[in-house]
Structure formats: C-alpha cells, structure tokens
Amino acid sequence: MANQEAFSILSQVAIDLTSLFQAELTTQGLVESGRLRDSVKWIVIPTTDGGFTLQMESLDYFKFLDDKFNISQNVFNSSTYANIQEQIANAYSLIILDDLFLT
C-alpha cells in the first residue's frame, strides 16, 4: 500500500522534473526543432528490492548541451527543485516505513 503511494508521488515528481528540464532548455534558448526538449522525460522504475529509481531519458546530445550550459545544475539549484526534494523524501520514507513493518 505504501509503495503504491510512493510510486504515485514519484510519478508526479517525474512529471515535474520533466517540465523543469524542458523549461530550462527553453529558457536558455536551446530549442530549435523541439526534438531534444520533447525527448527529455523522467520515468519511475521499480527495483527488485521494492524501491524505485528515477531516471531521465533524452536524446544523446543532451549530455553535450548539459556539460556546456549547466542545464541540470540550474534545475537542481532552482527553488522549485527544493519542493521536489521534499516529495522524494516523503516517497522514500513511505518505502522505508513499509519495509520496516513488513519485516
């Protein structure tokens, strides 16, 4: 039950992260065709131990632009990301509590 709630929270986090990264690309003027921006997507992957991993997918050249224009650093330094960190912490506390009470 708690893992379903954690998955739901992390799914919203993935949506929010996707939006933040896409907005940062737009803000920096790094959008020409929109292919790169539209390729950026965060997903939630269940792990074998009952937890979850957040993973970003994008076209390969995102890494080159990220290294040059600090896209990730700007997102992770934003005030909006602070709220996302709280959501992530809440989701993982649910997973930990669920694990403690199931063992």
PDB file of N, CA and C in Angstrom:
ATOM      1  N   MET A   1       0.825  -1.198   0.000  1.00  0.00           N
ATOM      2  CA  MET A   1       0.000   0.000   0.000  1.00  0.00           C
ATOM      3  C   MET A   1       0.864   1.254   0.000  1.00  0.00           C
ATOM      4  N   ALA A   2       1.853   1.302   0.893  1.00  0.00           N
ATOM      5  CA  ALA A   2       2.734   2.473   0.950  1.00  0.00           C
ATOM      6  C   ALA A   2       3.555   2.594  -0.323  1.00  0.00           C
ATOM      7  N   ASN A   3       3.946   1.450  -0.898  1.00  0.00           N
ATOM      8  CA  ASN A   3       4.720   1.502  -2.135  1.00  0.00           C
ATOM      9  C   ASN A   3       3.892   2.048  -3.289  1.00  0.00           C
ATOM     10  N   GLN A   4       2.595   1.782  -3.299  1.00  0.00           N
ATOM     11  CA  GLN A   4       1.731   2.349  -4.328  1.00  0.00           C
ATOM     12  C   GLN A   4       1.656   3.869  -4.161  1.00  0.00           C
ATOM     13  N   GLU A   5       1.565   4.320  -2.935  1.00  0.00           N
ATOM     14  CA  GLU A   5       1.532   5.755  -2.666  1.00  0.00           C
ATOM     15  C   GLU A   5       2.874   6.393  -3.032  1.00  0.00           C
ATOM     16  N   ALA A   6       3.960   5.712  -2.714  1.00  0.00           N
ATOM     17  CA  ALA A   6       5.291   6.206  -3.073  1.00  0.00           C
ATOM     18  C   ALA A   6       5.427   6.281  -4.587  1.00  0.00           C
ATOM     19  N   PHE A   7       4.963   5.258  -5.295  1.00  0.00           N
ATOM     20  CA  PHE A   7       5.020   5.261  -6.752  1.00  0.00           C
ATOM     21  C   PHE A   7       4.221   6.431  -7.315  1.00  0.00           C
ATOM     22  N   SER A   8       3.073   6.690  -6.739  1.00  0.00           N
ATOM     23  CA  SER A   8       2.232   7.811  -7.181  1.00  0.00           C
ATOM     24  C   SER A   8       2.949   9.153  -6.981  1.00  0.00           C
ATOM     25  N   ILE A   9       3.565   9.320  -5.821  1.00  0.00           N
ATOM     26  CA  ILE A   9       4.317  10.558  -5.533  1.00  0.00           C
ATOM     27  C   ILE A   9       5.475  10.704  -6.519  1.00  0.00           C
ATOM     28  N   LEU A  10       6.218   9.622  -6.712  1.00  0.00           N
ATOM     29  CA  LEU A  10       7.374   9.683  -7.604  1.00  0.00           C
ATOM     30  C   LEU A  10       6.964   9.869  -9.060  1.00  0.00           C
ATOM     31  N   SER A  11       5.802   9.377  -9.431  1.00  0.00           N
ATOM     32  CA  SER A  11       5.296   9.614 -10.789  1.00  0.00           C
ATOM     33  C   SER A  11       5.039  11.098 -11.013  1.00  0.00           C
ATOM     34  N   GLN A  12       4.499  11.767  -9.994  1.00  0.00           N
ATOM     35  CA  GLN A  12       4.298  13.210 -10.096  1.00  0.00           C
ATOM     36  C   GLN A  12       5.640  13.944 -10.115  1.00  0.00           C
ATOM     37  N   VAL A  13       6.587  13.460  -9.334  1.00  0.00           N
ATOM     38  CA  VAL A  13       7.939  14.029  -9.339  1.00  0.00           C
ATOM     39  C   VAL A  13       8.532  13.927 -10.740  1.00  0.00           C
ATOM     40  N   ALA A  14       8.357  12.777 -11.386  1.00  0.00           N
ATOM     41  CA  ALA A  14       8.885  12.579 -12.741  1.00  0.00           C
ATOM     42  C   ALA A  14       8.271  13.588 -13.707  1.00  0.00           C
ATOM     43  N   ILE A  15       6.990  13.825 -13.582  1.00  0.00           N
ATOM     44  CA  ILE A  15       6.310  14.822 -14.423  1.00  0.00           C
ATOM     45  C   ILE A  15       6.877  16.212 -14.160  1.00  0.00           C
ATOM     46  N   ASP A  16       7.050  16.540 -12.883  1.00  0.00           N
ATOM     47  CA  ASP A  16       7.577  17.859 -12.512  1.00  0.00           C
ATOM     48  C   ASP A  16       9.019  18.045 -12.995  1.00  0.00           C
ATOM     49  N   LEU A  17       9.848  17.016 -12.839  1.00  0.00           N
ATOM     50  CA  LEU A  17      11.231  17.101 -13.314  1.00  0.00           C
ATOM     51  C   LEU A  17      11.284  17.249 -14.831  1.00  0.00           C
ATOM     52  N   THR A  18      10.455  16.509 -15.510  1.00  0.00           N
ATOM     53  CA  THR A  18      10.389  16.622 -16.971  1.00  0.00           C
ATOM     54  C   THR A  18      10.074  18.057 -17.368  1.00  0.00           C
ATOM     55  N   SER A  19       9.086  18.639 -16.716  1.00  0.00           N
ATOM     56  CA  SER A  19       8.703  20.027 -17.016  1.00  0.00           C
ATOM     57  C   SER A  19       9.825  21.004 -16.719  1.00  0.00           C
ATOM     58  N   LEU A  20      10.511  20.806 -15.588  1.00  0.00           N
ATOM     59  CA  LEU A  20      11.607  21.708 -15.225  1.00  0.00           C
ATOM     60  C   LEU A  20      12.749  21.649 -16.249  1.00  0.00           C
ATOM     61  N   PHE A  21      13.125  20.454 -16.656  1.00  0.00           N
ATOM     62  CA  PHE A  21      14.211  20.317 -17.624  1.00  0.00           C
ATOM     63  C   PHE A  21      13.808  20.884 -18.982  1.00  0.00           C
ATOM     64  N   GLN A  22      12.587  20.625 -19.396  1.00  0.00           N
ATOM     65  CA  GLN A  22      12.126  21.169 -20.670  1.00  0.00           C
ATOM     66  C   GLN A  22      12.071  22.694 -20.617  1.00  0.00           C
ATOM     67  N   ALA A  23      11.623  23.236 -19.502  1.00  0.00           N
ATOM     68  CA  ALA A  23      11.562  24.696 -19.351  1.00  0.00           C
ATOM     69  C   ALA A  23      12.960  25.309 -19.353  1.00  0.00           C
ATOM     70  N   GLU A  24      13.921  24.640 -18.726  1.00  0.00           N
ATOM     71  CA  GLU A  24      15.293  25.160 -18.697  1.00  0.00           C
ATOM     72  C   GLU A  24      15.884  25.192 -20.103  1.00  0.00           C
ATOM     73  N   LEU A  25      15.630  24.177 -20.887  1.00  0.00           N
ATOM     74  CA  LEU A  25      16.092  24.184 -22.276  1.00  0.00           C
ATOM     75  C   LEU A  25      15.485  25.367 -23.040  1.00  0.00           C
ATOM     76  N   THR A  26      14.214  25.614 -22.818  1.00  0.00           N
ATOM     77  CA  THR A  26      13.528  26.723 -23.487  1.00  0.00           C
ATOM     78  C   THR A  26      14.059  28.059 -22.998  1.00  0.00           C
ATOM     79  N   THR A  27      14.211  28.204 -21.683  1.00  0.00           N
ATOM     80  CA  THR A  27      14.697  29.458 -21.090  1.00  0.00           C
ATOM     81  C   THR A  27      16.078  29.821 -21.628  1.00  0.00           C
ATOM     82  N   GLN A  28      16.919  28.821 -21.809  1.00  0.00           N
ATOM     83  CA  GLN A  28      18.267  29.081 -22.301  1.00  0.00           C
ATOM     84  C   GLN A  28      18.327  29.245 -23.823  1.00  0.00           C
ATOM     85  N   GLY A  29      17.189  29.133 -24.488  1.00  0.00           N
ATOM     86  CA  GLY A  29      17.165  29.298 -25.932  1.00  0.00           C
ATOM     87  C   GLY A  29      17.791  28.140 -26.682  1.00  0.00           C
ATOM     88  N   LEU A  30      17.712  26.953 -26.106  1.00  0.00           N
ATOM     89  CA  LEU A  30      18.344  25.775 -26.711  1.00  0.00           C
ATOM     90  C   LEU A  30      17.344  24.927 -27.502  1.00  0.00           C
ATOM     91  N   VAL A  31      16.232  25.537 -27.896  1.00  0.00           N
ATOM     92  CA  VAL A  31      15.200  24.811 -28.629  1.00  0.00           C
ATOM     93  C   VAL A  31      15.122  25.358 -30.054  1.00  0.00           C
ATOM     94  N   GLU A  32      15.429  24.505 -31.000  1.00  0.00           N
ATOM     95  CA  GLU A  32      15.260  24.881 -32.403  1.00  0.00           C
ATOM     96  C   GLU A  32      14.095  24.084 -32.983  1.00  0.00           C
ATOM     97  N   SER A  33      14.261  22.796 -33.108  1.00  0.00           N
ATOM     98  CA  SER A  33      13.187  21.967 -33.660  1.00  0.00           C
ATOM     99  C   SER A  33      12.252  21.461 -32.556  1.00  0.00           C
ATOM    100  N   GLY A  34      12.725  21.430 -31.328  1.00  0.00           N
ATOM    101  CA  GLY A  34      11.942  20.890 -30.219  1.00  0.00           C
ATOM    102  C   GLY A  34      12.182  19.405 -29.982  1.00  0.00           C
ATOM    103  N   ARG A  35      12.975  18.774 -30.840  1.00  0.00           N
ATOM    104  CA  ARG A  35      13.209  17.335 -30.689  1.00  0.00           C
ATOM    105  C   ARG A  35      13.894  17.003 -29.366  1.00  0.00           C
ATOM    106  N   LEU A  36      14.934  17.752 -29.035  1.00  0.00           N
ATOM    107  CA  LEU A  36      15.643  17.477 -27.783  1.00  0.00           C
ATOM    108  C   LEU A  36      14.732  17.739 -26.599  1.00  0.00           C
ATOM    109  N   ARG A  37      14.111  18.912 -26.571  1.00  0.00           N
ATOM    110  CA  ARG A  37      13.216  19.255 -25.457  1.00  0.00           C
ATOM    111  C   ARG A  37      12.149  18.183 -25.271  1.00  0.00           C
ATOM    112  N   ASP A  38      11.538  17.768 -26.375  1.00  0.00           N
ATOM    113  CA  ASP A  38      10.462  16.784 -26.291  1.00  0.00           C
ATOM    114  C   ASP A  38      10.967  15.381 -25.951  1.00  0.00           C
ATOM    115  N   SER A  39      12.261  15.137 -26.126  1.00  0.00           N
ATOM    116  CA  SER A  39      12.815  13.819 -25.799  1.00  0.00           C
ATOM    117  C   SER A  39      13.106  13.668 -24.308  1.00  0.00           C
ATOM    118  N   VAL A  40      13.209  14.792 -23.612  1.00  0.00           N
ATOM    119  CA  VAL A  40      13.527  14.743 -22.175  1.00  0.00           C
ATOM    120  C   VAL A  40      12.308  14.226 -21.425  1.00  0.00           C
ATOM    121  N   LYS A  41      12.526  13.149 -20.702  1.00  0.00           N
ATOM    122  CA  LYS A  41      11.440  12.553 -19.932  1.00  0.00           C
ATOM    123  C   LYS A  41      12.026  11.828 -18.732  1.00  0.00           C
ATOM    124  N   TRP A  42      11.481  12.091 -17.571  1.00  0.00           N
ATOM    125  CA  TRP A  42      11.862  11.375 -16.355  1.00  0.00           C
ATOM    126  C   TRP A  42      10.855  10.260 -16.147  1.00  0.00           C
ATOM    127  N   ILE A  43      11.353   9.093 -15.751  1.00  0.00           N
ATOM    128  CA  ILE A  43      10.489   7.940 -15.515  1.00  0.00           C
ATOM    129  C   ILE A  43      10.813   7.311 -14.159  1.00  0.00           C
ATOM    130  N   VAL A  44       9.834   6.593 -13.631  1.00  0.00           N
ATOM    131  CA  VAL A  44       9.987   5.867 -12.370  1.00  0.00           C
ATOM    132  C   VAL A  44      10.131   4.390 -12.709  1.00  0.00           C
ATOM    133  N   ILE A  45      11.198   3.789 -12.210  1.00  0.00           N
ATOM    134  CA  ILE A  45      11.462   2.373 -12.473  1.00  0.00           C
ATOM    135  C   ILE A  45      11.448   1.611 -11.149  1.00  0.00           C
ATOM    136  N   PRO A  46      10.527   0.654 -10.994  1.00  0.00           N
ATOM    137  CA  PRO A  46      10.546  -0.177  -9.787  1.00  0.00           C
ATOM    138  C   PRO A  46      11.814  -1.030  -9.747  1.00  0.00           C
ATOM    139  N   THR A  47      12.384  -1.180  -8.559  1.00  0.00           N
ATOM    140  CA  THR A  47      13.578  -2.011  -8.394  1.00  0.00           C
ATOM    141  C   THR A  47      13.180  -3.354  -7.789  1.00  0.00           C
ATOM    142  N   THR A  48      14.074  -4.301  -7.862  1.00  0.00           N
ATOM    143  CA  THR A  48      13.770  -5.645  -7.363  1.00  0.00           C
ATOM    144  C   THR A  48      13.624  -5.701  -5.846  1.00  0.00           C
ATOM    145  N   ASP A  49      14.170  -4.698  -5.140  1.00  0.00           N
ATOM    146  CA  ASP A  49      14.083  -4.706  -3.676  1.00  0.00           C
ATOM    147  C   ASP A  49      12.880  -3.932  -3.142  1.00  0.00           C
ATOM    148  N   GLY A  50      11.935  -3.586  -4.021  1.00  0.00           N
ATOM    149  CA  GLY A  50      10.729  -2.899  -3.579  1.00  0.00           C
ATOM    150  C   GLY A  50      10.845  -1.381  -3.583  1.00  0.00           C
ATOM    151  N   GLY A  51      11.958  -0.866  -4.036  1.00  0.00           N
ATOM    152  CA  GLY A  51      12.140   0.573  -4.121  1.00  0.00           C
ATOM    153  C   GLY A  51      11.904   1.077  -5.535  1.00  0.00           C
ATOM    154  N   PHE A  52      12.366   2.266  -5.799  1.00  0.00           N
ATOM    155  CA  PHE A  52      12.187   2.883  -7.106  1.00  0.00           C
ATOM    156  C   PHE A  52      13.424   3.686  -7.477  1.00  0.00           C
ATOM    157  N   THR A  53      13.640   3.820  -8.764  1.00  0.00           N
ATOM    158  CA  THR A  53      14.699   4.661  -9.294  1.00  0.00           C
ATOM    159  C   THR A  53      14.060   5.696 -10.211  1.00  0.00           C
ATOM    160  N   LEU A  54      14.506   6.937 -10.094  1.00  0.00           N
ATOM    161  CA  LEU A  54      14.106   7.968 -11.044  1.00  0.00           C
ATOM    162  C   LEU A  54      15.197   8.060 -12.100  1.00  0.00           C
ATOM    163  N   GLN A  55      14.801   8.018 -13.352  1.00  0.00           N
ATOM    164  CA  GLN A  55      15.781   8.023 -14.440  1.00  0.00           C
ATOM    165  C   GLN A  55      15.326   8.982 -15.531  1.00  0.00           C
ATOM    166  N   MET A  56      16.285   9.734 -16.080  1.00  0.00           N
ATOM    167  CA  MET A  56      15.979  10.637 -17.176  1.00  0.00           C
ATOM    168  C   MET A  56      16.355   9.996 -18.502  1.00  0.00           C
ATOM    169  N   GLU A  57      15.464  10.120 -19.469  1.00  0.00           N
ATOM    170  CA  GLU A  57      15.738   9.693 -20.832  1.00  0.00           C
ATOM    171  C   GLU A  57      15.777  10.943 -21.703  1.00  0.00           C
ATOM    172  N   SER A  58      16.663  10.943 -22.696  1.00  0.00           N
ATOM    173  CA  SER A  58      16.738  12.060 -23.639  1.00  0.00           C
ATOM    174  C   SER A  58      17.575  11.633 -24.831  1.00  0.00           C
ATOM    175  N   LEU A  59      17.565  12.466 -25.847  1.00  0.00           N
ATOM    176  CA  LEU A  59      18.468  12.231 -26.967  1.00  0.00           C
ATOM    177  C   LEU A  59      19.898  12.348 -26.472  1.00  0.00           C
ATOM    178  N   ASP A  60      20.804  11.653 -27.122  1.00  0.00           N
ATOM    179  CA  ASP A  60      22.200  11.595 -26.680  1.00  0.00           C
ATOM    180  C   ASP A  60      22.864  12.956 -26.530  1.00  0.00           C
ATOM    181  N   TYR A  61      22.520  13.908 -27.394  1.00  0.00           N
ATOM    182  CA  TYR A  61      23.247  15.165 -27.346  1.00  0.00           C
ATOM    183  C   TYR A  61      22.817  16.072 -26.188  1.00  0.00           C
ATOM    184  N   PHE A  62      21.865  15.622 -25.369  1.00  0.00           N
ATOM    185  CA  PHE A  62      21.540  16.380 -24.163  1.00  0.00           C
ATOM    186  C   PHE A  62      22.782  16.503 -23.283  1.00  0.00           C
ATOM    187  N   LYS A  63      23.543  15.423 -23.158  1.00  0.00           N
ATOM    188  CA  LYS A  63      24.729  15.443 -22.299  1.00  0.00           C
ATOM    189  C   LYS A  63      25.711  16.528 -22.742  1.00  0.00           C
ATOM    190  N   PHE A  64      25.932  16.660 -24.035  1.00  0.00           N
ATOM    191  CA  PHE A  64      26.834  17.689 -24.547  1.00  0.00           C
ATOM    192  C   PHE A  64      26.321  19.078 -24.150  1.00  0.00           C
ATOM    193  N   LEU A  65      25.043  19.325 -24.356  1.00  0.00           N
ATOM    194  CA  LEU A  65      24.479  20.631 -24.005  1.00  0.00           C
ATOM    195  C   LEU A  65      24.465  20.849 -22.500  1.00  0.00           C
ATOM    196  N   ASP A  66      24.215  19.778 -21.751  1.00  0.00           N
ATOM    197  CA  ASP A  66      24.211  19.890 -20.291  1.00  0.00           C
ATOM    198  C   ASP A  66      25.596  20.281 -19.785  1.00  0.00           C
ATOM    199  N   ASP A  67      26.625  19.647 -20.341  1.00  0.00           N
ATOM    200  CA  ASP A  67      28.005  19.981 -19.941  1.00  0.00           C
ATOM    201  C   ASP A  67      28.338  21.433 -20.269  1.00  0.00           C
ATOM    202  N   LYS A  68      27.854  21.907 -21.392  1.00  0.00           N
ATOM    203  CA  LYS A  68      28.186  23.260 -21.852  1.00  0.00           C
ATOM    204  C   LYS A  68      27.337  24.348 -21.189  1.00  0.00           C
ATOM    205  N   PHE A  69      26.043  24.056 -20.947  1.00  0.00           N
ATOM    206  CA  PHE A  69      25.116  25.091 -20.481  1.00  0.00           C
ATOM    207  C   PHE A  69      24.583  24.863 -19.062  1.00  0.00           C
ATOM    208  N   ASN A  70      25.084  23.851 -18.360  1.00  0.00           N
ATOM    209  CA  ASN A  70      24.707  23.594 -16.957  1.00  0.00           C
ATOM    210  C   ASN A  70      23.203  23.457 -16.748  1.00  0.00           C
ATOM    211  N   ILE A  71      22.546  22.760 -17.637  1.00  0.00           N
ATOM    212  CA  ILE A  71      21.094  22.596 -17.558  1.00  0.00           C
ATOM    213  C   ILE A  71      20.691  21.924 -16.252  1.00  0.00           C
ATOM    214  N   SER A  72      21.293  20.768 -15.970  1.00  0.00           N
ATOM    215  CA  SER A  72      20.949  20.027 -14.747  1.00  0.00           C
ATOM    216  C   SER A  72      21.276  20.837 -13.505  1.00  0.00           C
ATOM    217  N   GLN A  73      22.426  21.452 -13.493  1.00  0.00           N
ATOM    218  CA  GLN A  73      22.830  22.248 -12.333  1.00  0.00           C
ATOM    219  C   GLN A  73      21.826  23.375 -12.076  1.00  0.00           C
ATOM    220  N   ASN A  74      21.378  24.040 -13.129  1.00  0.00           N
ATOM    221  CA  ASN A  74      20.398  25.114 -12.969  1.00  0.00           C
ATOM    222  C   ASN A  74      19.078  24.585 -12.411  1.00  0.00           C
ATOM    223  N   VAL A  75      18.645  23.441 -12.921  1.00  0.00           N
ATOM    224  CA  VAL A  75      17.403  22.847 -12.421  1.00  0.00           C
ATOM    225  C   VAL A  75      17.557  22.473 -10.951  1.00  0.00           C
ATOM    226  N   PHE A  76      18.656  21.795 -10.610  1.00  0.00           N
ATOM    227  CA  PHE A  76      18.842  21.316  -9.242  1.00  0.00           C
ATOM    228  C   PHE A  76      19.105  22.449  -8.253  1.00  0.00           C
ATOM    229  N   ASN A  77      19.492  23.610  -8.744  1.00  0.00           N
ATOM    230  CA  ASN A  77      19.685  24.779  -7.882  1.00  0.00           C
ATOM    231  C   ASN A  77      18.433  25.652  -7.781  1.00  0.00           C
ATOM    232  N   SER A  78      17.388  25.298  -8.495  1.00  0.00           N
ATOM    233  CA  SER A  78      16.174  26.124  -8.507  1.00  0.00           C
ATOM    234  C   SER A  78      15.354  25.923  -7.231  1.00  0.00           C
ATOM    235  N   SER A  79      14.578  26.948  -6.906  1.00  0.00           N
ATOM    236  CA  SER A  79      13.717  26.858  -5.719  1.00  0.00           C
ATOM    237  C   SER A  79      12.619  25.815  -5.926  1.00  0.00           C
ATOM    238  N   THR A  80      12.192  25.623  -7.146  1.00  0.00           N
ATOM    239  CA  THR A  80      11.167  24.615  -7.434  1.00  0.00           C
ATOM    240  C   THR A  80      11.679  23.213  -7.124  1.00  0.00           C
ATOM    241  N   TYR A  81      12.963  22.980  -7.370  1.00  0.00           N
ATOM    242  CA  TYR A  81      13.537  21.663  -7.103  1.00  0.00           C
ATOM    243  C   TYR A  81      13.542  21.354  -5.604  1.00  0.00           C
ATOM    244  N   ALA A  82      13.631  22.372  -4.770  1.00  0.00           N
ATOM    245  CA  ALA A  82      13.587  22.144  -3.318  1.00  0.00           C
ATOM    246  C   ALA A  82      12.272  21.463  -2.930  1.00  0.00           C
ATOM    247  N   ASN A  83      11.172  21.869  -3.553  1.00  0.00           N
ATOM    248  CA  ASN A  83       9.879  21.227  -3.292  1.00  0.00           C
ATOM    249  C   ASN A  83       9.877  19.782  -3.783  1.00  0.00           C
ATOM    250  N   ILE A  84      10.511  19.555  -4.904  1.00  0.00           N
ATOM    251  CA  ILE A  84      10.592  18.202  -5.451  1.00  0.00           C
ATOM    252  C   ILE A  84      11.402  17.303  -4.518  1.00  0.00           C
ATOM    253  N   GLN A  85      12.469  17.838  -3.938  1.00  0.00           N
ATOM    254  CA  GLN A  85      13.271  17.056  -2.989  1.00  0.00           C
ATOM    255  C   GLN A  85      12.420  16.612  -1.800  1.00  0.00           C
ATOM    256  N   GLU A  86      11.534  17.476  -1.339  1.00  0.00           N
ATOM    257  CA  GLU A  86      10.642  17.105  -0.227  1.00  0.00           C
ATOM    258  C   GLU A  86       9.714  15.972  -0.634  1.00  0.00           C
ATOM    259  N   GLN A  87       9.192  16.036  -1.852  1.00  0.00           N
ATOM    260  CA  GLN A  87       8.313  14.966  -2.340  1.00  0.00           C
ATOM    261  C   GLN A  87       9.075  13.640  -2.427  1.00  0.00           C
ATOM    262  N   ILE A  88      10.302  13.704  -2.904  1.00  0.00           N
ATOM    263  CA  ILE A  88      11.119  12.490  -2.999  1.00  0.00           C
ATOM    264  C   ILE A  88      11.371  11.915  -1.609  1.00  0.00           C
ATOM    265  N   ALA A  89      11.712  12.774  -0.658  1.00  0.00           N
ATOM    266  CA  ALA A  89      11.951  12.325   0.719  1.00  0.00           C
ATOM    267  C   ALA A  89      10.695  11.689   1.307  1.00  0.00           C
ATOM    268  N   ASN A  90       9.535  12.271   1.040  1.00  0.00           N
ATOM    269  CA  ASN A  90       8.279  11.699   1.537  1.00  0.00           C
ATOM    270  C   ASN A  90       8.028  10.317   0.936  1.00  0.00           C
ATOM    271  N   ALA A  91       8.274  10.187  -0.358  1.00  0.00           N
ATOM    272  CA  ALA A  91       8.054   8.895  -1.018  1.00  0.00           C
ATOM    273  C   ALA A  91       8.977   7.836  -0.433  1.00  0.00           C
ATOM    274  N   TYR A  92      10.237   8.168  -0.262  1.00  0.00           N
ATOM    275  CA  TYR A  92      11.178   7.173   0.256  1.00  0.00           C
ATOM    276  C   TYR A  92      10.940   6.866   1.732  1.00  0.00           C
ATOM    277  N   SER A  93      10.420   7.810   2.495  1.00  0.00           N
ATOM    278  CA  SER A  93      10.078   7.493   3.886  1.00  0.00           C
ATOM    279  C   SER A  93       8.924   6.497   3.931  1.00  0.00           C
ATOM    280  N   LEU A  94       7.989   6.599   2.980  1.00  0.00           N
ATOM    281  CA  LEU A  94       6.906   5.613   2.899  1.00  0.00           C
ATOM    282  C   LEU A  94       7.456   4.224   2.599  1.00  0.00           C
ATOM    283  N   ILE A  95       8.422   4.152   1.702  1.00  0.00           N
ATOM    284  CA  ILE A  95       9.025   2.862   1.348  1.00  0.00           C
ATOM    285  C   ILE A  95       9.748   2.267   2.546  1.00  0.00           C
ATOM    286  N   ILE A  96      10.490   3.095   3.265  1.00  0.00           N
ATOM    287  CA  ILE A  96      11.233   2.617   4.434  1.00  0.00           C
ATOM    288  C   ILE A  96      10.280   2.139   5.515  1.00  0.00           C
ATOM    289  N   LEU A  97       9.231   2.925   5.788  1.00  0.00           N
ATOM    290  CA  LEU A  97       8.253   2.519   6.801  1.00  0.00           C
ATOM    291  C   LEU A  97       7.563   1.228   6.407  1.00  0.00           C
ATOM    292  N   ASP A  98       7.217   1.106   5.141  1.00  0.00           N
ATOM    293  CA  ASP A  98       6.578  -0.116   4.665  1.00  0.00           C
ATOM    294  C   ASP A  98       7.504  -1.303   4.866  1.00  0.00           C
ATOM    295  N   ASP A  99       8.771  -1.120   4.564  1.00  0.00           N
ATOM    296  CA  ASP A  99       9.747  -2.197   4.714  1.00  0.00           C
ATOM    297  C   ASP A  99       9.922  -2.583   6.177  1.00  0.00           C
ATOM    298  N   LEU A 100       9.926  -1.586   7.061  1.00  0.00           N
ATOM    299  CA  LEU A 100      10.094  -1.868   8.488  1.00  0.00           C
ATOM    300  C   LEU A 100       8.937  -2.663   9.048  1.00  0.00           C
ATOM    301  N   PHE A 101       7.719  -2.358   8.597  1.00  0.00           N
ATOM    302  CA  PHE A 101       6.563  -3.019   9.150  1.00  0.00           C
ATOM    303  C   PHE A 101       6.252  -4.362   8.487  1.00  0.00           C
ATOM    304  N   LEU A 102       6.859  -4.604   7.338  1.00  0.00           N
ATOM    305  CA  LEU A 102       6.650  -5.887   6.661  1.00  0.00           C
ATOM    306  C   LEU A 102       7.658  -6.934   7.090  1.00  0.00           C
ATOM    307  N   THR A 103       8.751  -6.499   7.734  1.00  0.00           N
ATOM    308  CA  THR A 103       9.778  -7.467   8.134  1.00  0.00           C
ATOM    309  C   THR A 103       9.645  -7.847   9.573  1.00  0.00           C
TER     310      THR A 103
END
